[in-house]
Amino acid sequence: MVSQYFIIVPTLAVLLTQLTLSRLSDSLLALSDAGHTLYLLINFCPPFILSHSSKLPHYARIRLPTLFSLLAPLFLSSLGLSLTLMSLGRIVRPHSPQRPVLILVAGAVGLLFNTIYIVTANVWKGSGFYIGRIQTQQSRWTPVMLLLVSLTPSCFLLVSGISFYLFSHPVLHYMDAALCLASIIIMLISVYSSIIQNGSILLQSVPPSVDLAGLRRDLDILFGPKGHHELHVWALAQGHTVATLHLSCTEPEAYQEYLKQATTLFGRHSVQEVTIQPEFGVPGPCSMSCGPLCASHFCCVTWEQEPKGLVLANICA
């Protein structure tokens, strides 16, 4: 509990400081850095909410981090769109920000905070604290994008503040807007994959790590085409895949054996939890009513078209 307050309270203080300095200095770049801090703050909320909401059902507790990890990049994307329009307007009517010293202070505060965040991110992850961007699938570019999106706005602020403080060339009127656009592009690229992954999870699509066709083939081999149906596979969260299946069983003893075999099979296909619904009794004939166009898709009956003989009728009067 204390560690959660220790993380959220300083983040909120940094956010308020950045918003105040952005307003006083009239810097869009400082506002974009504040947007990134707010993005981190939203990602820090799930464990804080879960610790104060013990009555939430198990399903909601699993889904909550995924929901916030989608809301955070969506909010950052909408803020990036607003800042893009404001930056384009400032390029059309250029003017330089005020009080370069405040821009330097905003850059220093952001750089210090983001450096501490990067250094301690692995510690927070190891202690169970949720960080949405780190929980995504790791790749060779993830550390690079983490460094870019965290440090770029603050470094841009320092460069901008030093330039405004030392020089007064007219081209500097475009610097704040141009650097703000560059910062927005980097942030949007970094959160695009998070939007796709978490959006797919909330839409209950089949996880990319599961070979659904291969799973169906293995089920056909193990139980036969008529022995199973109603297969559904989705993910509750990153790395938490579940599935449901209906099995046809003749007796309860056979169901226990089928359950063990199905659990092992789903585990080999990266499915952590599976619910098996038994259907006792002998399967009856296929109840599908379909013409010859879909006969090739039947697994329980073969379509046989009734022969039609040629009927000759005498139409002569």
C-alpha atoms as a PDB file:
ATOM      1  CA  MET A   1       0.000   0.000   0.000  1.00  0.00           C
ATOM      2  CA  VAL A   2       2.751   2.447   0.928  1.00  0.00           C
ATOM      3  CA  SER A   3       4.698   1.655  -2.254  1.00  0.00           C
ATOM      4  CA  GLN A   4       1.628   2.436  -4.383  1.00  0.00           C
ATOM      5  CA  TYR A   5       1.231   5.859  -2.785  1.00  0.00           C
ATOM      6  CA  PHE A   6       4.983   6.360  -3.152  1.00  0.00           C
ATOM      7  CA  ILE A   7       4.615   5.878  -6.921  1.00  0.00           C
ATOM      8  CA  ILE A   8       1.310   7.611  -7.635  1.00  0.00           C
ATOM      9  CA  VAL A   9       1.746  10.728  -5.476  1.00  0.00           C
ATOM     10  CA  PRO A  10       5.112  11.818  -7.003  1.00  0.00           C
ATOM     11  CA  THR A  11       3.747  11.097 -10.491  1.00  0.00           C
ATOM     12  CA  LEU A  12       0.724  13.301  -9.809  1.00  0.00           C
ATOM     13  CA  ALA A  13       2.991  16.036  -8.408  1.00  0.00           C
ATOM     14  CA  VAL A  14       5.202  15.921 -11.518  1.00  0.00           C
ATOM     15  CA  LEU A  15       2.115  16.094 -13.738  1.00  0.00           C
ATOM     16  CA  LEU A  16       0.753  19.182 -11.978  1.00  0.00           C
ATOM     17  CA  THR A  17       4.192  20.822 -12.128  1.00  0.00           C
ATOM     18  CA  GLN A  18       4.495  20.169 -15.857  1.00  0.00           C
ATOM     19  CA  LEU A  19       0.998  21.501 -16.555  1.00  0.00           C
ATOM     20  CA  THR A  20       1.719  24.659 -14.570  1.00  0.00           C
ATOM     21  CA  LEU A  21       5.060  25.267 -16.292  1.00  0.00           C
ATOM     22  CA  SER A  22       3.491  24.596 -19.686  1.00  0.00           C
ATOM     23  CA  ARG A  23       0.817  27.193 -19.012  1.00  0.00           C
ATOM     24  CA  LEU A  24       3.248  29.812 -17.706  1.00  0.00           C
ATOM     25  CA  SER A  25       5.763  29.315 -20.532  1.00  0.00           C
ATOM     26  CA  ASP A  26       3.161  28.850 -23.308  1.00  0.00           C
ATOM     27  CA  SER A  27       5.036  25.768 -24.544  1.00  0.00           C
ATOM     28  CA  LEU A  28       3.235  23.010 -26.441  1.00  0.00           C
ATOM     29  CA  LEU A  29       6.271  20.783 -26.055  1.00  0.00           C
ATOM     30  CA  ALA A  30       5.979  20.970 -22.266  1.00  0.00           C
ATOM     31  CA  LEU A  31       2.304  20.045 -22.607  1.00  0.00           C
ATOM     32  CA  SER A  32       3.209  16.955 -24.654  1.00  0.00           C
ATOM     33  CA  ASP A  33       5.642  15.892 -21.939  1.00  0.00           C
ATOM     34  CA  ALA A  34       2.835  16.308 -19.398  1.00  0.00           C
ATOM     35  CA  GLY A  35       0.654  14.094 -21.603  1.00  0.00           C
ATOM     36  CA  HIS A  36       3.238  11.324 -21.399  1.00  0.00           C
ATOM     37  CA  THR A  37       3.319  11.658 -17.611  1.00  0.00           C
ATOM     38  CA  LEU A  38      -0.470  11.379 -17.515  1.00  0.00           C
ATOM     39  CA  TYR A  39      -0.185   8.265 -19.687  1.00  0.00           C
ATOM     40  CA  LEU A  40       2.080   6.700 -17.063  1.00  0.00           C
ATOM     41  CA  LEU A  41      -0.250   7.782 -14.253  1.00  0.00           C
ATOM     42  CA  ILE A  42      -3.215   6.025 -15.905  1.00  0.00           C
ATOM     43  CA  ASN A  43      -1.142   2.854 -16.219  1.00  0.00           C
ATOM     44  CA  PHE A  44      -0.312   3.054 -12.507  1.00  0.00           C
ATOM     45  CA  CYS A  45      -3.998   3.122 -11.481  1.00  0.00           C
ATOM     46  CA  PRO A  46      -5.091  -0.578 -11.770  1.00  0.00           C
ATOM     47  CA  PRO A  47      -3.167  -1.943  -8.750  1.00  0.00           C
ATOM     48  CA  PHE A  48      -4.261   1.062  -6.687  1.00  0.00           C
ATOM     49  CA  ILE A  49      -7.913   0.426  -7.594  1.00  0.00           C
ATOM     50  CA  LEU A  50      -7.651  -3.321  -7.014  1.00  0.00           C
ATOM     51  CA  SER A  51      -6.137  -2.831  -3.573  1.00  0.00           C
ATOM     52  CA  HIS A  52      -9.114  -0.657  -2.546  1.00  0.00           C
ATOM     53  CA  SER A  53     -11.826  -2.760  -4.247  1.00  0.00           C
ATOM     54  CA  SER A  54     -11.640  -6.215  -2.741  1.00  0.00           C
ATOM     55  CA  LYS A  55     -15.271  -6.969  -3.676  1.00  0.00           C
ATOM     56  CA  LEU A  56     -14.629  -6.907  -7.409  1.00  0.00           C
ATOM     57  CA  PRO A  57     -15.254 -10.292  -9.068  1.00  0.00           C
ATOM     58  CA  HIS A  58     -12.296 -12.320 -10.273  1.00  0.00           C
ATOM     59  CA  TYR A  59     -13.140 -11.680 -13.922  1.00  0.00           C
ATOM     60  CA  ALA A  60     -13.148  -7.897 -13.411  1.00  0.00           C
ATOM     61  CA  ARG A  61      -9.866  -7.964 -11.503  1.00  0.00           C
ATOM     62  CA  ILE A  62      -8.188  -9.712 -14.422  1.00  0.00           C
ATOM     63  CA  ARG A  63      -9.757  -7.435 -17.033  1.00  0.00           C
ATOM     64  CA  LEU A  64      -9.089  -4.121 -15.268  1.00  0.00           C
ATOM     65  CA  PRO A  65      -5.357  -3.798 -16.153  1.00  0.00           C
ATOM     66  CA  THR A  66      -6.125  -4.577 -19.795  1.00  0.00           C
ATOM     67  CA  LEU A  67      -8.841  -1.915 -19.845  1.00  0.00           C
ATOM     68  CA  PHE A  68      -6.518   0.749 -18.428  1.00  0.00           C
ATOM     69  CA  SER A  69      -3.679  -0.275 -20.736  1.00  0.00           C
ATOM     70  CA  LEU A  70      -6.068   0.449 -23.625  1.00  0.00           C
ATOM     71  CA  LEU A  71      -7.471   3.675 -22.175  1.00  0.00           C
ATOM     72  CA  ALA A  72      -4.007   5.148 -21.582  1.00  0.00           C
ATOM     73  CA  PRO A  73      -2.774   4.984 -25.218  1.00  0.00           C
ATOM     74  CA  LEU A  74      -6.195   6.023 -26.524  1.00  0.00           C
ATOM     75  CA  PHE A  75      -6.116   9.111 -24.327  1.00  0.00           C
ATOM     76  CA  LEU A  76      -2.531   9.821 -25.385  1.00  0.00           C
ATOM     77  CA  SER A  77      -3.554   9.482 -29.042  1.00  0.00           C
ATOM     78  CA  SER A  78      -6.454  11.915 -28.645  1.00  0.00           C
ATOM     79  CA  LEU A  79      -4.190  14.374 -26.836  1.00  0.00           C
ATOM     80  CA  GLY A  80      -1.625  13.954 -29.612  1.00  0.00           C
ATOM     81  CA  LEU A  81      -4.265  14.836 -32.207  1.00  0.00           C
ATOM     82  CA  SER A  82      -5.178  18.015 -30.313  1.00  0.00           C
ATOM     83  CA  LEU A  83      -1.517  18.994 -29.934  1.00  0.00           C
ATOM     84  CA  THR A  84      -0.955  18.334 -33.639  1.00  0.00           C
ATOM     85  CA  LEU A  85      -3.684  20.808 -34.577  1.00  0.00           C
ATOM     86  CA  MET A  86      -2.338  23.359 -32.095  1.00  0.00           C
ATOM     87  CA  SER A  87       1.207  22.921 -33.431  1.00  0.00           C
ATOM     88  CA  LEU A  88       0.067  23.390 -37.016  1.00  0.00           C
ATOM     89  CA  GLY A  89      -1.753  26.542 -35.958  1.00  0.00           C
ATOM     90  CA  ARG A  90       1.391  27.835 -34.284  1.00  0.00           C
ATOM     91  CA  ILE A  91       3.411  27.099 -37.437  1.00  0.00           C
ATOM     92  CA  VAL A  92       0.928  29.154 -39.466  1.00  0.00           C
ATOM     93  CA  ARG A  93       1.123  31.990 -36.932  1.00  0.00           C
ATOM     94  CA  PRO A  94       4.540  31.511 -35.329  1.00  0.00           C
ATOM     95  CA  HIS A  95       5.563  32.948 -32.000  1.00  0.00           C
ATOM     96  CA  SER A  96       8.121  31.791 -29.487  1.00  0.00           C
ATOM     97  CA  PRO A  97       7.230  30.566 -25.974  1.00  0.00           C
ATOM     98  CA  GLN A  98       7.731  32.811 -22.969  1.00  0.00           C
ATOM     99  CA  ARG A  99      10.172  32.440 -20.045  1.00  0.00           C
ATOM    100  CA  PRO A 100      12.868  30.050 -21.361  1.00  0.00           C
ATOM    101  CA  VAL A 101      13.963  29.371 -17.784  1.00  0.00           C
ATOM    102  CA  LEU A 102      10.623  27.709 -17.045  1.00  0.00           C
ATOM    103  CA  ILE A 103      11.051  25.527 -20.138  1.00  0.00           C
ATOM    104  CA  LEU A 104      14.441  24.444 -18.818  1.00  0.00           C
ATOM    105  CA  VAL A 105      12.902  23.631 -15.444  1.00  0.00           C
ATOM    106  CA  ALA A 106      10.115  21.609 -17.096  1.00  0.00           C
ATOM    107  CA  GLY A 107      12.678  19.674 -19.125  1.00  0.00           C
ATOM    108  CA  ALA A 108      14.826  18.964 -16.075  1.00  0.00           C
ATOM    109  CA  VAL A 109      11.829  17.782 -14.020  1.00  0.00           C
ATOM    110  CA  GLY A 110      10.606  15.529 -16.815  1.00  0.00           C
ATOM    111  CA  LEU A 111      14.059  14.102 -17.508  1.00  0.00           C
ATOM    112  CA  LEU A 112      14.642  13.317 -13.828  1.00  0.00           C
ATOM    113  CA  PHE A 113      11.240  11.682 -13.409  1.00  0.00           C
ATOM    114  CA  ASN A 114      11.479   9.576 -16.573  1.00  0.00           C
ATOM    115  CA  THR A 115      15.018   8.475 -15.748  1.00  0.00           C
ATOM    116  CA  ILE A 116      13.852   7.247 -12.348  1.00  0.00           C
ATOM    117  CA  TYR A 117      10.901   5.527 -14.050  1.00  0.00           C
ATOM    118  CA  ILE A 118      13.147   3.672 -16.514  1.00  0.00           C
ATOM    119  CA  VAL A 119      15.624   2.614 -13.835  1.00  0.00           C
ATOM    120  CA  THR A 120      12.943   1.314 -11.455  1.00  0.00           C
ATOM    121  CA  ALA A 121      10.551  -0.123 -14.077  1.00  0.00           C
ATOM    122  CA  ASN A 122      11.943  -3.648 -13.772  1.00  0.00           C
ATOM    123  CA  VAL A 123      11.721  -3.399  -9.987  1.00  0.00           C
ATOM    124  CA  TRP A 124       8.036  -2.429 -10.168  1.00  0.00           C
ATOM    125  CA  LYS A 125       7.355  -5.277 -12.594  1.00  0.00           C
ATOM    126  CA  GLY A 126       9.085  -7.797 -10.365  1.00  0.00           C
ATOM    127  CA  SER A 127       7.056  -6.669  -7.365  1.00  0.00           C
ATOM    128  CA  GLY A 128       3.772  -7.167  -9.235  1.00  0.00           C
ATOM    129  CA  PHE A 129       3.128  -3.499  -9.954  1.00  0.00           C
ATOM    130  CA  TYR A 130       1.419  -3.123 -13.309  1.00  0.00           C
ATOM    131  CA  ILE A 131       3.114  -1.146 -16.073  1.00  0.00           C
ATOM    132  CA  GLY A 132       1.163  -1.462 -19.299  1.00  0.00           C
ATOM    133  CA  ARG A 133       3.894  -0.826 -21.798  1.00  0.00           C
ATOM    134  CA  ILE A 134       6.321  -3.272 -20.186  1.00  0.00           C
ATOM    135  CA  GLN A 135       3.656  -5.982 -19.950  1.00  0.00           C
ATOM    136  CA  THR A 136       3.323  -6.128 -23.745  1.00  0.00           C
ATOM    137  CA  GLN A 137       5.169  -8.760 -25.706  1.00  0.00           C
ATOM    138  CA  GLN A 138       8.878  -8.147 -25.479  1.00  0.00           C
ATOM    139  CA  SER A 139      10.870  -7.624 -28.655  1.00  0.00           C
ATOM    140  CA  ARG A 140      14.257  -6.339 -29.583  1.00  0.00           C
ATOM    141  CA  TRP A 141      12.870  -2.819 -30.133  1.00  0.00           C
ATOM    142  CA  THR A 142      10.904  -2.521 -26.885  1.00  0.00           C
ATOM    143  CA  PRO A 143      13.784  -1.085 -24.792  1.00  0.00           C
ATOM    144  CA  VAL A 144      14.647   1.354 -27.581  1.00  0.00           C
ATOM    145  CA  MET A 145      11.063   2.607 -27.876  1.00  0.00           C
ATOM    146  CA  LEU A 146      10.799   2.844 -24.086  1.00  0.00           C
ATOM    147  CA  LEU A 147      13.854   5.088 -23.971  1.00  0.00           C
ATOM    148  CA  LEU A 148      12.711   7.213 -26.913  1.00  0.00           C
ATOM    149  CA  VAL A 149       9.169   7.855 -25.739  1.00  0.00           C
ATOM    150  CA  SER A 150      10.243   8.517 -22.140  1.00  0.00           C
ATOM    151  CA  LEU A 151      13.279  10.730 -22.699  1.00  0.00           C
ATOM    152  CA  THR A 152      12.635  12.452 -26.039  1.00  0.00           C
ATOM    153  CA  PRO A 153      10.090  15.107 -24.880  1.00  0.00           C
ATOM    154  CA  SER A 154      12.216  16.094 -21.876  1.00  0.00           C
ATOM    155  CA  CYS A 155      15.415  16.251 -23.942  1.00  0.00           C
ATOM    156  CA  PHE A 156      13.605  18.334 -26.549  1.00  0.00           C
ATOM    157  CA  LEU A 157      12.505  20.689 -23.778  1.00  0.00           C
ATOM    158  CA  LEU A 158      16.083  21.154 -22.590  1.00  0.00           C
ATOM    159  CA  VAL A 159      17.311  21.835 -26.133  1.00  0.00           C
ATOM    160  CA  SER A 160      14.427  24.231 -26.740  1.00  0.00           C
ATOM    161  CA  GLY A 161      14.936  26.090 -23.466  1.00  0.00           C
ATOM    162  CA  ILE A 162      18.690  26.504 -24.024  1.00  0.00           C
ATOM    163  CA  SER A 163      18.111  27.707 -27.594  1.00  0.00           C
ATOM    164  CA  PHE A 164      15.506  30.280 -26.541  1.00  0.00           C
ATOM    165  CA  TYR A 165      17.727  31.433 -23.691  1.00  0.00           C
ATOM    166  CA  LEU A 166      20.895  31.902 -25.782  1.00  0.00           C
ATOM    167  CA  PHE A 167      19.591  32.898 -29.215  1.00  0.00           C
ATOM    168  CA  SER A 168      16.861  35.084 -30.687  1.00  0.00           C
ATOM    169  CA  HIS A 169      16.815  34.041 -34.354  1.00  0.00           C
ATOM    170  CA  PRO A 170      13.351  34.189 -36.040  1.00  0.00           C
ATOM    171  CA  VAL A 171      13.590  30.510 -37.004  1.00  0.00           C
ATOM    172  CA  LEU A 172      13.297  29.643 -33.309  1.00  0.00           C
ATOM    173  CA  HIS A 173       9.644  30.679 -33.463  1.00  0.00           C
ATOM    174  CA  TYR A 174       8.980  27.340 -35.196  1.00  0.00           C
ATOM    175  CA  MET A 175      11.091  25.207 -32.856  1.00  0.00           C
ATOM    176  CA  ASP A 176       8.528  24.534 -30.139  1.00  0.00           C
ATOM    177  CA  ALA A 177       5.821  23.452 -32.603  1.00  0.00           C
ATOM    178  CA  ALA A 178       8.218  21.358 -34.709  1.00  0.00           C
ATOM    179  CA  LEU A 179       9.671  19.529 -31.715  1.00  0.00           C
ATOM    180  CA  CYS A 180       6.170  18.991 -30.346  1.00  0.00           C
ATOM    181  CA  LEU A 181       5.131  17.302 -33.618  1.00  0.00           C
ATOM    182  CA  ALA A 182       8.228  15.085 -33.536  1.00  0.00           C
ATOM    183  CA  SER A 183       7.508  14.119 -29.935  1.00  0.00           C
ATOM    184  CA  ILE A 184       3.892  13.273 -30.759  1.00  0.00           C
ATOM    185  CA  ILE A 185       4.922  11.045 -33.676  1.00  0.00           C
ATOM    186  CA  ILE A 186       7.314   9.078 -31.461  1.00  0.00           C
ATOM    187  CA  MET A 187       4.696   8.621 -28.733  1.00  0.00           C
ATOM    188  CA  LEU A 188       1.981   7.499 -31.160  1.00  0.00           C
ATOM    189  CA  ILE A 189       4.301   4.962 -32.795  1.00  0.00           C
ATOM    190  CA  SER A 190       5.196   3.554 -29.389  1.00  0.00           C
ATOM    191  CA  VAL A 191       1.572   3.026 -28.270  1.00  0.00           C
ATOM    192  CA  TYR A 192       0.150   1.714 -31.563  1.00  0.00           C
ATOM    193  CA  SER A 193       0.927  -1.938 -30.803  1.00  0.00           C
ATOM    194  CA  SER A 194      -0.544  -1.570 -27.309  1.00  0.00           C
ATOM    195  CA  ILE A 195      -3.840  -0.319 -28.762  1.00  0.00           C
ATOM    196  CA  ILE A 196      -4.021  -3.246 -31.194  1.00  0.00           C
ATOM    197  CA  GLN A 197      -3.126  -5.916 -28.620  1.00  0.00           C
ATOM    198  CA  ASN A 198      -5.357  -4.730 -25.795  1.00  0.00           C
ATOM    199  CA  GLY A 199      -8.205  -3.880 -28.157  1.00  0.00           C
ATOM    200  CA  SER A 200      -8.100  -7.424 -29.537  1.00  0.00           C
ATOM    201  CA  ILE A 201      -8.190  -8.824 -26.002  1.00  0.00           C
ATOM    202  CA  LEU A 202     -11.233  -6.762 -25.001  1.00  0.00           C
ATOM    203  CA  LEU A 203     -12.974  -7.780 -28.251  1.00  0.00           C
ATOM    204  CA  GLN A 204     -12.301 -11.431 -27.296  1.00  0.00           C
ATOM    205  CA  SER A 205     -10.545 -12.297 -30.527  1.00  0.00           C
ATOM    206  CA  VAL A 206      -8.399 -15.419 -30.837  1.00  0.00           C
ATOM    207  CA  PRO A 207      -4.903 -14.694 -29.451  1.00  0.00           C
ATOM    208  CA  PRO A 208      -2.174 -14.736 -32.119  1.00  0.00           C
ATOM    209  CA  SER A 209      -0.184 -17.237 -30.048  1.00  0.00           C
ATOM    210  CA  VAL A 210      -2.894 -19.901 -30.501  1.00  0.00           C
ATOM    211  CA  ASP A 211      -2.999 -21.939 -33.710  1.00  0.00           C
ATOM    212  CA  LEU A 212      -6.745 -22.460 -33.887  1.00  0.00           C
ATOM    213  CA  ALA A 213      -6.610 -24.655 -36.988  1.00  0.00           C
ATOM    214  CA  GLY A 214      -3.977 -26.893 -35.410  1.00  0.00           C
ATOM    215  CA  LEU A 215      -6.012 -27.085 -32.194  1.00  0.00           C
ATOM    216  CA  ARG A 216      -9.085 -28.201 -34.140  1.00  0.00           C
ATOM    217  CA  ARG A 217      -7.071 -30.871 -35.947  1.00  0.00           C
ATOM    218  CA  ASP A 218      -5.729 -32.227 -32.659  1.00  0.00           C
ATOM    219  CA  LEU A 219      -9.240 -32.282 -31.190  1.00  0.00           C
ATOM    220  CA  ASP A 220     -10.502 -34.182 -34.237  1.00  0.00           C
ATOM    221  CA  ILE A 221      -7.716 -36.734 -33.803  1.00  0.00           C
ATOM    222  CA  LEU A 222      -8.329 -37.104 -30.063  1.00  0.00           C
ATOM    223  CA  PHE A 223     -12.136 -37.076 -29.901  1.00  0.00           C
ATOM    224  CA  GLY A 224     -13.247 -37.450 -33.502  1.00  0.00           C
ATOM    225  CA  PRO A 225     -15.150 -34.893 -35.615  1.00  0.00           C
ATOM    226  CA  LYS A 226     -18.443 -35.793 -33.900  1.00  0.00           C
ATOM    227  CA  GLY A 227     -17.011 -35.891 -30.377  1.00  0.00           C
ATOM    228  CA  HIS A 228     -16.634 -32.146 -29.812  1.00  0.00           C
ATOM    229  CA  HIS A 229     -18.130 -28.821 -30.856  1.00  0.00           C
ATOM    230  CA  GLU A 230     -18.603 -25.216 -29.673  1.00  0.00           C
ATOM    231  CA  LEU A 231     -14.884 -24.421 -29.369  1.00  0.00           C
ATOM    232  CA  HIS A 232     -14.171 -20.858 -28.217  1.00  0.00           C
ATOM    233  CA  VAL A 233     -10.712 -19.437 -27.464  1.00  0.00           C
ATOM    234  CA  TRP A 234      -9.983 -15.915 -26.199  1.00  0.00           C
ATOM    235  CA  ALA A 235      -7.720 -14.057 -23.764  1.00  0.00           C
ATOM    236  CA  LEU A 236      -8.697 -12.416 -20.480  1.00  0.00           C
ATOM    237  CA  ALA A 237      -5.371 -10.540 -20.325  1.00  0.00           C
ATOM    238  CA  GLN A 238      -1.905 -10.666 -21.812  1.00  0.00           C
ATOM    239  CA  GLY A 239      -0.626 -14.219 -21.351  1.00  0.00           C
ATOM    240  CA  HIS A 240      -3.927 -15.434 -19.831  1.00  0.00           C
ATOM    241  CA  THR A 241      -5.708 -17.473 -22.518  1.00  0.00           C
ATOM    242  CA  VAL A 242      -8.903 -19.400 -21.796  1.00  0.00           C
ATOM    243  CA  ALA A 243     -11.106 -21.727 -23.835  1.00  0.00           C
ATOM    244  CA  THR A 244     -14.449 -23.527 -23.665  1.00  0.00           C
ATOM    245  CA  LEU A 245     -15.427 -26.777 -25.378  1.00  0.00           C
ATOM    246  CA  HIS A 246     -18.401 -29.141 -25.498  1.00  0.00           C
ATOM    247  CA  LEU A 247     -17.559 -32.868 -25.443  1.00  0.00           C
ATOM    248  CA  SER A 248     -19.864 -35.766 -26.216  1.00  0.00           C
ATOM    249  CA  CYS A 249     -19.490 -38.499 -23.574  1.00  0.00           C
ATOM    250  CA  THR A 250     -21.256 -41.805 -23.071  1.00  0.00           C
ATOM    251  CA  GLU A 251     -20.714 -41.978 -19.282  1.00  0.00           C
ATOM    252  CA  PRO A 252     -19.154 -39.921 -16.430  1.00  0.00           C
ATOM    253  CA  GLU A 253     -16.069 -42.146 -16.252  1.00  0.00           C
ATOM    254  CA  ALA A 254     -15.253 -41.369 -19.875  1.00  0.00           C
ATOM    255  CA  TYR A 255     -15.665 -37.655 -19.174  1.00  0.00           C
ATOM    256  CA  GLN A 256     -12.967 -37.733 -16.488  1.00  0.00           C
ATOM    257  CA  GLU A 257     -10.514 -39.297 -18.917  1.00  0.00           C
ATOM    258  CA  TYR A 258     -11.485 -36.878 -21.698  1.00  0.00           C
ATOM    259  CA  LEU A 259     -11.039 -33.954 -19.303  1.00  0.00           C
ATOM    260  CA  LYS A 260      -7.445 -34.928 -18.517  1.00  0.00           C
ATOM    261  CA  GLN A 261      -6.608 -35.406 -22.189  1.00  0.00           C
ATOM    262  CA  ALA A 262      -8.238 -32.117 -23.205  1.00  0.00           C
ATOM    263  CA  THR A 263      -6.475 -30.155 -20.456  1.00  0.00           C
ATOM    264  CA  THR A 264      -3.104 -31.511 -21.565  1.00  0.00           C
ATOM    265  CA  LEU A 265      -3.891 -30.769 -25.204  1.00  0.00           C
ATOM    266  CA  PHE A 266      -4.954 -27.183 -24.537  1.00  0.00           C
ATOM    267  CA  GLY A 267      -1.859 -26.635 -22.405  1.00  0.00           C
ATOM    268  CA  ARG A 268       0.339 -27.587 -25.370  1.00  0.00           C
ATOM    269  CA  HIS A 269      -1.479 -24.908 -27.384  1.00  0.00           C
ATOM    270  CA  SER A 270      -0.707 -22.138 -24.822  1.00  0.00           C
ATOM    271  CA  VAL A 271      -4.193 -22.147 -23.260  1.00  0.00           C
ATOM    272  CA  GLN A 272      -3.934 -21.690 -19.491  1.00  0.00           C
ATOM    273  CA  GLU A 273      -7.555 -22.378 -18.508  1.00  0.00           C
ATOM    274  CA  VAL A 274     -10.201 -24.513 -20.206  1.00  0.00           C
ATOM    275  CA  THR A 275     -13.820 -25.265 -19.343  1.00  0.00           C
ATOM    276  CA  ILE A 276     -15.170 -28.583 -20.652  1.00  0.00           C
ATOM    277  CA  GLN A 277     -18.944 -28.985 -20.907  1.00  0.00           C
ATOM    278  CA  PRO A 278     -19.903 -32.685 -21.086  1.00  0.00           C
ATOM    279  CA  GLU A 279     -22.871 -33.882 -23.124  1.00  0.00           C
ATOM    280  CA  PHE A 280     -23.820 -37.409 -22.081  1.00  0.00           C
ATOM    281  CA  GLY A 281     -25.582 -39.774 -24.415  1.00  0.00           C
ATOM    282  CA  VAL A 282     -25.179 -41.115 -27.897  1.00  0.00           C
ATOM    283  CA  PRO A 283     -25.020 -38.371 -30.544  1.00  0.00           C
ATOM    284  CA  GLY A 284     -28.068 -38.379 -32.746  1.00  0.00           C
ATOM    285  CA  PRO A 285     -28.257 -37.779 -36.473  1.00  0.00           C
ATOM    286  CA  CYS A 286     -27.199 -34.455 -37.861  1.00  0.00           C
ATOM    287  CA  SER A 287     -29.975 -31.891 -37.582  1.00  0.00           C
ATOM    288  CA  MET A 288     -28.513 -29.457 -40.077  1.00  0.00           C
ATOM    289  CA  SER A 289     -30.740 -28.719 -43.006  1.00  0.00           C
ATOM    290  CA  CYS A 290     -28.672 -27.718 -45.980  1.00  0.00           C
ATOM    291  CA  GLY A 291     -28.572 -28.208 -49.697  1.00  0.00           C
ATOM    292  CA  PRO A 292     -25.786 -29.668 -51.834  1.00  0.00           C
ATOM    293  CA  LEU A 293     -23.852 -26.369 -51.821  1.00  0.00           C
ATOM    294  CA  CYS A 294     -22.661 -26.919 -48.242  1.00  0.00           C
ATOM    295  CA  ALA A 295     -22.479 -30.714 -48.284  1.00  0.00           C
ATOM    296  CA  SER A 296     -18.678 -30.628 -48.250  1.00  0.00           C
ATOM    297  CA  HIS A 297     -18.746 -28.974 -44.816  1.00  0.00           C
ATOM    298  CA  PHE A 298     -20.769 -31.726 -43.121  1.00  0.00           C
ATOM    299  CA  CYS A 299     -19.003 -33.904 -40.553  1.00  0.00           C
ATOM    300  CA  CYS A 300     -21.905 -36.080 -39.452  1.00  0.00           C
ATOM    301  CA  VAL A 301     -23.925 -36.882 -42.551  1.00  0.00           C
ATOM    302  CA  THR A 302     -23.364 -36.965 -46.272  1.00  0.00           C
ATOM    303  CA  TRP A 303     -25.760 -35.145 -48.507  1.00  0.00           C
ATOM    304  CA  GLU A 304     -27.377 -37.471 -51.000  1.00  0.00           C
ATOM    305  CA  GLN A 305     -29.390 -35.878 -53.701  1.00  0.00           C
ATOM    306  CA  GLU A 306     -32.491 -37.853 -54.575  1.00  0.00           C
ATOM    307  CA  PRO A 307     -32.380 -39.142 -58.151  1.00  0.00           C
ATOM    308  CA  LYS A 308     -34.875 -37.587 -60.406  1.00  0.00           C
ATOM    309  CA  GLY A 309     -36.142 -39.548 -63.364  1.00  0.00           C
ATOM    310  CA  LEU A 310     -37.232 -38.057 -66.648  1.00  0.00           C
ATOM    311  CA  VAL A 311     -41.006 -37.978 -66.877  1.00  0.00           C
ATOM    312  CA  LEU A 312     -42.465 -37.897 -70.353  1.00  0.00           C
ATOM    313  CA  ALA A 313     -45.941 -36.581 -70.692  1.00  0.00           C
ATOM    314  CA  ASN A 314     -48.136 -36.724 -73.739  1.00  0.00           C
ATOM    315  CA  ILE A 315     -49.309 -33.226 -74.298  1.00  0.00           C
ATOM    316  CA  CYS A 316     -51.047 -34.008 -77.517  1.00  0.00           C
ATOM    317  CA  ALA A 317     -54.689 -33.436 -77.433  1.00  0.00           C
END
